[in-house]
């Protein structure tokens, strides 16, 4: 199964999707006592924004994603940064029952899911992962900030109006970043038997150029909805015209790290 994040969309994803501040990695390491003997699974790894920096803190990382182009770019990123303890596997959350044969029972210290759980059947997934964790291991669900078009700022509201008019649809999905999403995931972790379920928030501000903002939009449009290459300059210009006349756009990012452990 693929989700449409292939081809040029994967390229935009690799270039423009924000990474994670070091505090996120510190939080994950502390929550599960990660060390150089541990194996972690990054499910829905995309182009490696979490898997690649995590690799320096553990023995190995397994990055799983249903998009071959995402995995190809993740592998390139790892190689370019001298990371050689990451393995890239084509698959999805529905393949977790077979993962035990690959990694072994009680072999994982953590499964991290970064901005991807909204694509998955999380109730079943949480239960299916349980036998794969060592004592004290567990799940981390990371939401890497509100979508660009749903933020509480004038430029974000302008962007949303333009995109809704252009695509003829309402943009309301929070992609797992909303407070109700986090509560729902926390409750599901508890019901699946995970303990010490807690949320840690890391907040910071960043500034985006117009090109970075447009690249972020492109990275979120499925491949079949992305404007054709010849049409992208006009589409980008229309976005520019819809925005306030600023050179930089301040984004307030709240990264949520939701964790639950197995005893």
C-alpha atoms as a PDB file:
ATOM      1  CA  UNK A   1       0.000   0.000   0.000  1.00  0.00           C
ATOM      2  CA  UNK A   2       1.255   3.472  -0.859  1.00  0.00           C
ATOM      3  CA  UNK A   3      -0.146   6.818   0.241  1.00  0.00           C
ATOM      4  CA  UNK A   4       0.760   8.910  -2.785  1.00  0.00           C
ATOM      5  CA  UNK A   5       3.919  10.454  -1.286  1.00  0.00           C
ATOM      6  CA  UNK A   6       6.182   9.393  -4.110  1.00  0.00           C
ATOM      7  CA  UNK A   7       8.186  10.978  -6.906  1.00  0.00           C
ATOM      8  CA  UNK A   8       8.488  14.758  -6.623  1.00  0.00           C
ATOM      9  CA  UNK A   9       6.436  14.793  -3.411  1.00  0.00           C
ATOM     10  CA  UNK A  10       9.089  12.649  -1.720  1.00  0.00           C
ATOM     11  CA  UNK A  11      11.776  15.048  -2.955  1.00  0.00           C
ATOM     12  CA  UNK A  12       9.896  18.015  -1.475  1.00  0.00           C
ATOM     13  CA  UNK A  13       9.389  16.036   1.731  1.00  0.00           C
ATOM     14  CA  UNK A  14      13.114  15.383   2.076  1.00  0.00           C
ATOM     15  CA  UNK A  15      14.038  18.999   1.400  1.00  0.00           C
ATOM     16  CA  UNK A  16      11.337  20.971   3.186  1.00  0.00           C
ATOM     17  CA  UNK A  17       9.826  18.918   6.016  1.00  0.00           C
ATOM     18  CA  UNK A  18      11.195  20.199   9.291  1.00  0.00           C
ATOM     19  CA  UNK A  19      13.452  17.956  11.315  1.00  0.00           C
ATOM     20  CA  UNK A  20      13.312  17.414  15.060  1.00  0.00           C
ATOM     21  CA  UNK A  21      15.163  19.448  17.707  1.00  0.00           C
ATOM     22  CA  UNK A  22      17.676  17.593  19.894  1.00  0.00           C
ATOM     23  CA  UNK A  23      15.276  17.836  22.869  1.00  0.00           C
ATOM     24  CA  UNK A  24      12.987  15.347  21.099  1.00  0.00           C
ATOM     25  CA  UNK A  25      15.785  12.796  20.839  1.00  0.00           C
ATOM     26  CA  UNK A  26      16.701  13.446  24.488  1.00  0.00           C
ATOM     27  CA  UNK A  27      13.082  12.813  25.508  1.00  0.00           C
ATOM     28  CA  UNK A  28      12.943   9.528  23.591  1.00  0.00           C
ATOM     29  CA  UNK A  29      16.246   8.376  25.016  1.00  0.00           C
ATOM     30  CA  UNK A  30      15.200   9.155  28.595  1.00  0.00           C
ATOM     31  CA  UNK A  31      11.719   7.616  28.257  1.00  0.00           C
ATOM     32  CA  UNK A  32      13.022   4.204  27.213  1.00  0.00           C
ATOM     33  CA  UNK A  33      16.569   4.223  28.571  1.00  0.00           C
ATOM     34  CA  UNK A  34      17.963   3.950  25.051  1.00  0.00           C
ATOM     35  CA  UNK A  35      21.569   2.889  24.786  1.00  0.00           C
ATOM     36  CA  UNK A  36      24.135   1.625  22.321  1.00  0.00           C
ATOM     37  CA  UNK A  37      22.858  -1.948  22.600  1.00  0.00           C
ATOM     38  CA  UNK A  38      19.297  -1.142  21.580  1.00  0.00           C
ATOM     39  CA  UNK A  39      17.340  -1.604  18.360  1.00  0.00           C
ATOM     40  CA  UNK A  40      14.562   0.858  17.508  1.00  0.00           C
ATOM     41  CA  UNK A  41      11.892   0.806  14.828  1.00  0.00           C
ATOM     42  CA  UNK A  42      10.801   3.988  13.046  1.00  0.00           C
ATOM     43  CA  UNK A  43       7.409   3.146  11.550  1.00  0.00           C
ATOM     44  CA  UNK A  44       6.373   5.464   8.729  1.00  0.00           C
ATOM     45  CA  UNK A  45       9.925   6.777   8.643  1.00  0.00           C
ATOM     46  CA  UNK A  46       9.505   8.983   5.577  1.00  0.00           C
ATOM     47  CA  UNK A  47      12.846  10.310   4.401  1.00  0.00           C
ATOM     48  CA  UNK A  48      14.562   9.634   7.720  1.00  0.00           C
ATOM     49  CA  UNK A  49      14.058  12.855   9.686  1.00  0.00           C
ATOM     50  CA  UNK A  50      13.896  10.855  12.939  1.00  0.00           C
ATOM     51  CA  UNK A  51      15.621   7.596  12.051  1.00  0.00           C
ATOM     52  CA  UNK A  52      18.886   9.141  10.887  1.00  0.00           C
ATOM     53  CA  UNK A  53      19.636  11.250  13.995  1.00  0.00           C
ATOM     54  CA  UNK A  54      18.405   8.446  16.285  1.00  0.00           C
ATOM     55  CA  UNK A  55      20.952   6.074  14.822  1.00  0.00           C
ATOM     56  CA  UNK A  56      23.828   7.716  16.707  1.00  0.00           C
ATOM     57  CA  UNK A  57      22.179   6.880  20.063  1.00  0.00           C
ATOM     58  CA  UNK A  58      21.426   3.173  19.575  1.00  0.00           C
ATOM     59  CA  UNK A  59      22.871   0.006  18.074  1.00  0.00           C
ATOM     60  CA  UNK A  60      20.618   0.068  15.022  1.00  0.00           C
ATOM     61  CA  UNK A  61      17.494   1.636  13.550  1.00  0.00           C
ATOM     62  CA  UNK A  62      14.962  -0.072  11.295  1.00  0.00           C
ATOM     63  CA  UNK A  63      13.120   2.432   9.131  1.00  0.00           C
ATOM     64  CA  UNK A  64       9.842   1.174   7.637  1.00  0.00           C
ATOM     65  CA  UNK A  65       7.750   3.044   5.078  1.00  0.00           C
ATOM     66  CA  UNK A  66       5.274   2.043   2.345  1.00  0.00           C
ATOM     67  CA  UNK A  67       6.791   4.441  -0.223  1.00  0.00           C
ATOM     68  CA  UNK A  68       9.909   3.220  -2.082  1.00  0.00           C
ATOM     69  CA  UNK A  69      10.893   6.784  -2.985  1.00  0.00           C
ATOM     70  CA  UNK A  70      10.799   7.815   0.673  1.00  0.00           C
ATOM     71  CA  UNK A  71      13.077   4.917   1.584  1.00  0.00           C
ATOM     72  CA  UNK A  72      15.469   5.699  -1.258  1.00  0.00           C
ATOM     73  CA  UNK A  73      15.873   9.269  -0.030  1.00  0.00           C
ATOM     74  CA  UNK A  74      16.179   8.129   3.596  1.00  0.00           C
ATOM     75  CA  UNK A  75      18.989   5.797   2.564  1.00  0.00           C
ATOM     76  CA  UNK A  76      20.691   8.642   0.689  1.00  0.00           C
ATOM     77  CA  UNK A  77      20.388  10.914   3.718  1.00  0.00           C
ATOM     78  CA  UNK A  78      21.875   8.272   5.998  1.00  0.00           C
ATOM     79  CA  UNK A  79      24.768   7.607   3.646  1.00  0.00           C
ATOM     80  CA  UNK A  80      25.427  11.314   3.234  1.00  0.00           C
ATOM     81  CA  UNK A  81      25.639  11.726   7.011  1.00  0.00           C
ATOM     82  CA  UNK A  82      27.847   8.698   7.542  1.00  0.00           C
ATOM     83  CA  UNK A  83      25.120   6.625   9.198  1.00  0.00           C
ATOM     84  CA  UNK A  84      25.685   2.918   8.568  1.00  0.00           C
ATOM     85  CA  UNK A  85      23.559   1.269  11.269  1.00  0.00           C
ATOM     86  CA  UNK A  86      20.159   1.908   9.673  1.00  0.00           C
ATOM     87  CA  UNK A  87      18.159  -0.660   7.707  1.00  0.00           C
ATOM     88  CA  UNK A  88      15.367   0.445   5.370  1.00  0.00           C
ATOM     89  CA  UNK A  89      12.362  -1.839   4.900  1.00  0.00           C
ATOM     90  CA  UNK A  90       9.403  -1.443   2.547  1.00  0.00           C
ATOM     91  CA  UNK A  91       6.287  -2.018   4.619  1.00  0.00           C
ATOM     92  CA  UNK A  92       3.439  -0.567   6.653  1.00  0.00           C
ATOM     93  CA  UNK A  93       1.728  -0.941  10.012  1.00  0.00           C
ATOM     94  CA  UNK A  94      -0.174  -3.935   8.625  1.00  0.00           C
ATOM     95  CA  UNK A  95       3.157  -5.787   8.351  1.00  0.00           C
ATOM     96  CA  UNK A  96       3.942  -5.598  12.064  1.00  0.00           C
ATOM     97  CA  UNK A  97       2.693  -9.141  12.833  1.00  0.00           C
ATOM     98  CA  UNK A  98       5.450 -10.436  10.554  1.00  0.00           C
ATOM     99  CA  UNK A  99       8.051  -8.120  12.085  1.00  0.00           C
ATOM    100  CA  UNK A 100       8.661 -10.544  14.967  1.00  0.00           C
ATOM    101  CA  UNK A 101      10.260 -12.975  12.563  1.00  0.00           C
ATOM    102  CA  UNK A 102      12.615 -10.234  11.390  1.00  0.00           C
ATOM    103  CA  UNK A 103      13.682  -8.734  14.717  1.00  0.00           C
ATOM    104  CA  UNK A 104      12.727 -11.426  17.231  1.00  0.00           C
ATOM    105  CA  UNK A 105      10.467 -11.292  20.254  1.00  0.00           C
ATOM    106  CA  UNK A 106      11.391  -8.760  22.955  1.00  0.00           C
ATOM    107  CA  UNK A 107      14.057  -7.316  20.666  1.00  0.00           C
ATOM    108  CA  UNK A 108      12.938  -3.694  20.270  1.00  0.00           C
ATOM    109  CA  UNK A 109      13.592  -0.903  22.733  1.00  0.00           C
ATOM    110  CA  UNK A 110      11.182   1.480  21.029  1.00  0.00           C
ATOM    111  CA  UNK A 111       8.897   2.002  18.083  1.00  0.00           C
ATOM    112  CA  UNK A 112       8.645   5.654  17.155  1.00  0.00           C
ATOM    113  CA  UNK A 113       5.919   6.963  14.860  1.00  0.00           C
ATOM    114  CA  UNK A 114       6.541  10.520  13.709  1.00  0.00           C
ATOM    115  CA  UNK A 115       3.636  12.418  12.142  1.00  0.00           C
ATOM    116  CA  UNK A 116       2.303   9.250  10.554  1.00  0.00           C
ATOM    117  CA  UNK A 117      -0.066   7.546  13.003  1.00  0.00           C
ATOM    118  CA  UNK A 118      -3.135   9.170  11.419  1.00  0.00           C
ATOM    119  CA  UNK A 119      -2.540   6.882   8.417  1.00  0.00           C
ATOM    120  CA  UNK A 120      -2.543   3.745  10.594  1.00  0.00           C
ATOM    121  CA  UNK A 121      -5.036   1.604  12.516  1.00  0.00           C
ATOM    122  CA  UNK A 122      -3.536   2.538  15.841  1.00  0.00           C
ATOM    123  CA  UNK A 123      -5.613   0.343  18.183  1.00  0.00           C
ATOM    124  CA  UNK A 124      -4.519  -2.889  16.501  1.00  0.00           C
ATOM    125  CA  UNK A 125      -0.999  -1.598  15.966  1.00  0.00           C
ATOM    126  CA  UNK A 126      -0.375  -0.857  19.646  1.00  0.00           C
ATOM    127  CA  UNK A 127      -1.397  -4.381  20.615  1.00  0.00           C
ATOM    128  CA  UNK A 128       0.551  -6.063  17.812  1.00  0.00           C
ATOM    129  CA  UNK A 129       3.747  -4.266  18.827  1.00  0.00           C
ATOM    130  CA  UNK A 130       3.595  -5.347  22.479  1.00  0.00           C
ATOM    131  CA  UNK A 131       5.437  -8.700  22.170  1.00  0.00           C
ATOM    132  CA  UNK A 132       8.300  -7.086  20.257  1.00  0.00           C
ATOM    133  CA  UNK A 133       9.461  -4.847  23.127  1.00  0.00           C
ATOM    134  CA  UNK A 134      12.086  -5.573  25.730  1.00  0.00           C
ATOM    135  CA  UNK A 135      11.243  -4.728  29.341  1.00  0.00           C
ATOM    136  CA  UNK A 136      10.892  -0.974  29.683  1.00  0.00           C
ATOM    137  CA  UNK A 137      10.513  -0.509  25.932  1.00  0.00           C
ATOM    138  CA  UNK A 138       7.478   0.887  24.219  1.00  0.00           C
ATOM    139  CA  UNK A 139       5.904   3.303  21.787  1.00  0.00           C
ATOM    140  CA  UNK A 140       6.522   6.981  21.095  1.00  0.00           C
ATOM    141  CA  UNK A 141       4.050   8.922  18.977  1.00  0.00           C
ATOM    142  CA  UNK A 142       5.571  12.209  17.828  1.00  0.00           C
ATOM    143  CA  UNK A 143       3.535  15.057  16.341  1.00  0.00           C
ATOM    144  CA  UNK A 144       5.880  17.545  14.702  1.00  0.00           C
ATOM    145  CA  UNK A 145       3.796  20.719  14.819  1.00  0.00           C
ATOM    146  CA  UNK A 146       0.472  21.849  13.402  1.00  0.00           C
ATOM    147  CA  UNK A 147       0.069  21.768   9.584  1.00  0.00           C
ATOM    148  CA  UNK A 148       1.140  25.016   7.932  1.00  0.00           C
ATOM    149  CA  UNK A 149      -2.423  25.942   6.971  1.00  0.00           C
ATOM    150  CA  UNK A 150      -3.982  25.370  10.413  1.00  0.00           C
ATOM    151  CA  UNK A 151      -1.837  27.625  12.566  1.00  0.00           C
ATOM    152  CA  UNK A 152      -2.981  30.651  14.557  1.00  0.00           C
ATOM    153  CA  UNK A 153      -1.463  33.386  12.417  1.00  0.00           C
ATOM    154  CA  UNK A 154      -2.563  35.731   9.650  1.00  0.00           C
ATOM    155  CA  UNK A 155      -0.305  34.128   7.062  1.00  0.00           C
ATOM    156  CA  UNK A 156      -1.545  30.622   7.905  1.00  0.00           C
ATOM    157  CA  UNK A 157      -5.192  31.658   7.623  1.00  0.00           C
ATOM    158  CA  UNK A 158      -4.447  33.282   4.257  1.00  0.00           C
ATOM    159  CA  UNK A 159      -2.717  30.121   3.072  1.00  0.00           C
ATOM    160  CA  UNK A 160      -5.663  28.002   4.167  1.00  0.00           C
ATOM    161  CA  UNK A 161      -8.183  30.186   2.311  1.00  0.00           C
ATOM    162  CA  UNK A 162      -6.130  29.935  -0.865  1.00  0.00           C
ATOM    163  CA  UNK A 163      -5.658  26.159  -0.665  1.00  0.00           C
ATOM    164  CA  UNK A 164      -9.317  25.507   0.129  1.00  0.00           C
ATOM    165  CA  UNK A 165     -10.422  27.615  -2.822  1.00  0.00           C
ATOM    166  CA  UNK A 166      -7.838  26.129  -5.163  1.00  0.00           C
ATOM    167  CA  UNK A 167      -8.581  22.497  -4.296  1.00  0.00           C
ATOM    168  CA  UNK A 168     -12.296  22.985  -3.620  1.00  0.00           C
ATOM    169  CA  UNK A 169     -12.249  21.342  -0.212  1.00  0.00           C
ATOM    170  CA  UNK A 170     -12.144  22.211   3.466  1.00  0.00           C
ATOM    171  CA  UNK A 171      -8.827  21.624   5.194  1.00  0.00           C
ATOM    172  CA  UNK A 172      -9.662  20.499   8.704  1.00  0.00           C
ATOM    173  CA  UNK A 173      -7.598  17.361   9.320  1.00  0.00           C
ATOM    174  CA  UNK A 174      -4.992  17.950  12.022  1.00  0.00           C
ATOM    175  CA  UNK A 175      -2.853  14.962  10.942  1.00  0.00           C
ATOM    176  CA  UNK A 176      -2.684  13.679  14.498  1.00  0.00           C
ATOM    177  CA  UNK A 177      -1.447  16.960  16.005  1.00  0.00           C
ATOM    178  CA  UNK A 178      -4.666  18.128  17.697  1.00  0.00           C
ATOM    179  CA  UNK A 179      -5.342  17.787  21.424  1.00  0.00           C
ATOM    180  CA  UNK A 180      -8.198  15.359  20.816  1.00  0.00           C
ATOM    181  CA  UNK A 181      -5.924  13.196  18.657  1.00  0.00           C
ATOM    182  CA  UNK A 182      -3.327  13.062  21.408  1.00  0.00           C
ATOM    183  CA  UNK A 183      -5.945  12.151  24.029  1.00  0.00           C
ATOM    184  CA  UNK A 184      -7.326   9.420  21.786  1.00  0.00           C
ATOM    185  CA  UNK A 185      -3.865   7.937  21.239  1.00  0.00           C
ATOM    186  CA  UNK A 186      -3.041   8.143  24.962  1.00  0.00           C
ATOM    187  CA  UNK A 187      -6.234   6.304  25.861  1.00  0.00           C
ATOM    188  CA  UNK A 188      -5.508   3.635  23.238  1.00  0.00           C
ATOM    189  CA  UNK A 189      -2.013   3.102  24.653  1.00  0.00           C
ATOM    190  CA  UNK A 190      -3.458   2.579  28.124  1.00  0.00           C
ATOM    191  CA  UNK A 191      -6.106   0.190  26.850  1.00  0.00           C
ATOM    192  CA  UNK A 192      -3.410  -1.819  25.043  1.00  0.00           C
ATOM    193  CA  UNK A 193      -1.522  -2.315  28.310  1.00  0.00           C
ATOM    194  CA  UNK A 194       1.136   0.386  28.148  1.00  0.00           C
ATOM    195  CA  UNK A 195       2.126   2.070  31.411  1.00  0.00           C
ATOM    196  CA  UNK A 196       3.373   5.505  32.428  1.00  0.00           C
ATOM    197  CA  UNK A 197       1.628   7.061  29.409  1.00  0.00           C
ATOM    198  CA  UNK A 198       2.678  10.695  29.268  1.00  0.00           C
ATOM    199  CA  UNK A 199       3.073  13.600  26.876  1.00  0.00           C
ATOM    200  CA  UNK A 200       6.114  15.852  26.679  1.00  0.00           C
ATOM    201  CA  UNK A 201       5.945  19.069  24.653  1.00  0.00           C
ATOM    202  CA  UNK A 202       8.889  20.876  23.093  1.00  0.00           C
ATOM    203  CA  UNK A 203       8.053  24.343  21.770  1.00  0.00           C
ATOM    204  CA  UNK A 204      10.076  26.745  19.669  1.00  0.00           C
ATOM    205  CA  UNK A 205       9.681  29.361  16.943  1.00  0.00           C
ATOM    206  CA  UNK A 206      11.140  29.295  13.474  1.00  0.00           C
ATOM    207  CA  UNK A 207      11.024  31.513  10.428  1.00  0.00           C
ATOM    208  CA  UNK A 208      10.104  30.342   6.954  1.00  0.00           C
ATOM    209  CA  UNK A 209      10.848  31.975   3.642  1.00  0.00           C
ATOM    210  CA  UNK A 210       8.138  32.003   1.003  1.00  0.00           C
ATOM    211  CA  UNK A 211       9.963  29.254  -0.876  1.00  0.00           C
ATOM    212  CA  UNK A 212      10.202  27.108   2.256  1.00  0.00           C
ATOM    213  CA  UNK A 213       6.510  27.606   2.937  1.00  0.00           C
ATOM    214  CA  UNK A 214       5.591  26.622  -0.625  1.00  0.00           C
ATOM    215  CA  UNK A 215       7.928  23.613  -0.458  1.00  0.00           C
ATOM    216  CA  UNK A 216       6.204  22.533   2.744  1.00  0.00           C
ATOM    217  CA  UNK A 217       2.839  22.704   0.988  1.00  0.00           C
ATOM    218  CA  UNK A 218       4.156  20.630  -1.933  1.00  0.00           C
ATOM    219  CA  UNK A 219       5.451  18.006   0.513  1.00  0.00           C
ATOM    220  CA  UNK A 220       1.921  17.465   1.834  1.00  0.00           C
ATOM    221  CA  UNK A 221       0.067  17.134  -1.478  1.00  0.00           C
ATOM    222  CA  UNK A 222      -0.340  13.520  -2.702  1.00  0.00           C
ATOM    223  CA  UNK A 223       1.399  12.916  -6.012  1.00  0.00           C
ATOM    224  CA  UNK A 224      -1.839  12.759  -8.000  1.00  0.00           C
ATOM    225  CA  UNK A 225      -2.827  16.230  -6.731  1.00  0.00           C
ATOM    226  CA  UNK A 226       0.524  17.963  -7.160  1.00  0.00           C
ATOM    227  CA  UNK A 227       0.496  20.579  -9.933  1.00  0.00           C
ATOM    228  CA  UNK A 228       2.368  19.486 -13.049  1.00  0.00           C
ATOM    229  CA  UNK A 229       5.943  20.834 -13.238  1.00  0.00           C
ATOM    230  CA  UNK A 230       4.953  23.373 -15.891  1.00  0.00           C
ATOM    231  CA  UNK A 231       2.146  24.650 -13.667  1.00  0.00           C
ATOM    232  CA  UNK A 232       4.116  24.974 -10.447  1.00  0.00           C
ATOM    233  CA  UNK A 233       5.551  28.461 -11.043  1.00  0.00           C
ATOM    234  CA  UNK A 234       2.018  29.856 -11.486  1.00  0.00           C
ATOM    235  CA  UNK A 235       0.763  27.919  -8.464  1.00  0.00           C
ATOM    236  CA  UNK A 236       3.666  29.188  -6.348  1.00  0.00           C
ATOM    237  CA  UNK A 237       3.054  32.749  -7.480  1.00  0.00           C
ATOM    238  CA  UNK A 238      -0.626  32.447  -6.591  1.00  0.00           C
ATOM    239  CA  UNK A 239       0.390  31.346  -3.078  1.00  0.00           C
ATOM    240  CA  UNK A 240       2.755  34.315  -2.818  1.00  0.00           C
ATOM    241  CA  UNK A 241      -0.005  36.695  -3.842  1.00  0.00           C
ATOM    242  CA  UNK A 242      -2.362  35.218  -1.248  1.00  0.00           C
ATOM    243  CA  UNK A 243       0.049  35.783   1.638  1.00  0.00           C
ATOM    244  CA  UNK A 244       0.732  38.975   3.596  1.00  0.00           C
ATOM    245  CA  UNK A 245       3.584  41.006   2.042  1.00  0.00           C
ATOM    246  CA  UNK A 246       6.341  39.632   4.274  1.00  0.00           C
ATOM    247  CA  UNK A 247       9.742  38.163   3.506  1.00  0.00           C
ATOM    248  CA  UNK A 248       9.729  35.754   6.446  1.00  0.00           C
ATOM    249  CA  UNK A 249       6.865  33.996   8.202  1.00  0.00           C
ATOM    250  CA  UNK A 250       7.109  33.116  11.880  1.00  0.00           C
ATOM    251  CA  UNK A 251       5.984  29.613  12.752  1.00  0.00           C
ATOM    252  CA  UNK A 252       5.361  28.544  16.339  1.00  0.00           C
ATOM    253  CA  UNK A 253       6.097  24.818  16.510  1.00  0.00           C
ATOM    254  CA  UNK A 254       4.854  22.538  19.272  1.00  0.00           C
ATOM    255  CA  UNK A 255       6.354  19.056  19.094  1.00  0.00           C
ATOM    256  CA  UNK A 256       4.399  16.527  21.144  1.00  0.00           C
ATOM    257  CA  UNK A 257       6.087  13.308  22.287  1.00  0.00           C
ATOM    258  CA  UNK A 258       3.559  10.812  23.620  1.00  0.00           C
ATOM    259  CA  UNK A 259       5.142   7.746  25.222  1.00  0.00           C
ATOM    260  CA  UNK A 260       3.966   4.513  26.802  1.00  0.00           C
ATOM    261  CA  UNK A 261       6.121   1.690  28.194  1.00  0.00           C
ATOM    262  CA  UNK A 262       5.828  -2.053  28.665  1.00  0.00           C
ATOM    263  CA  UNK A 263       6.758  -3.325  32.109  1.00  0.00           C
END
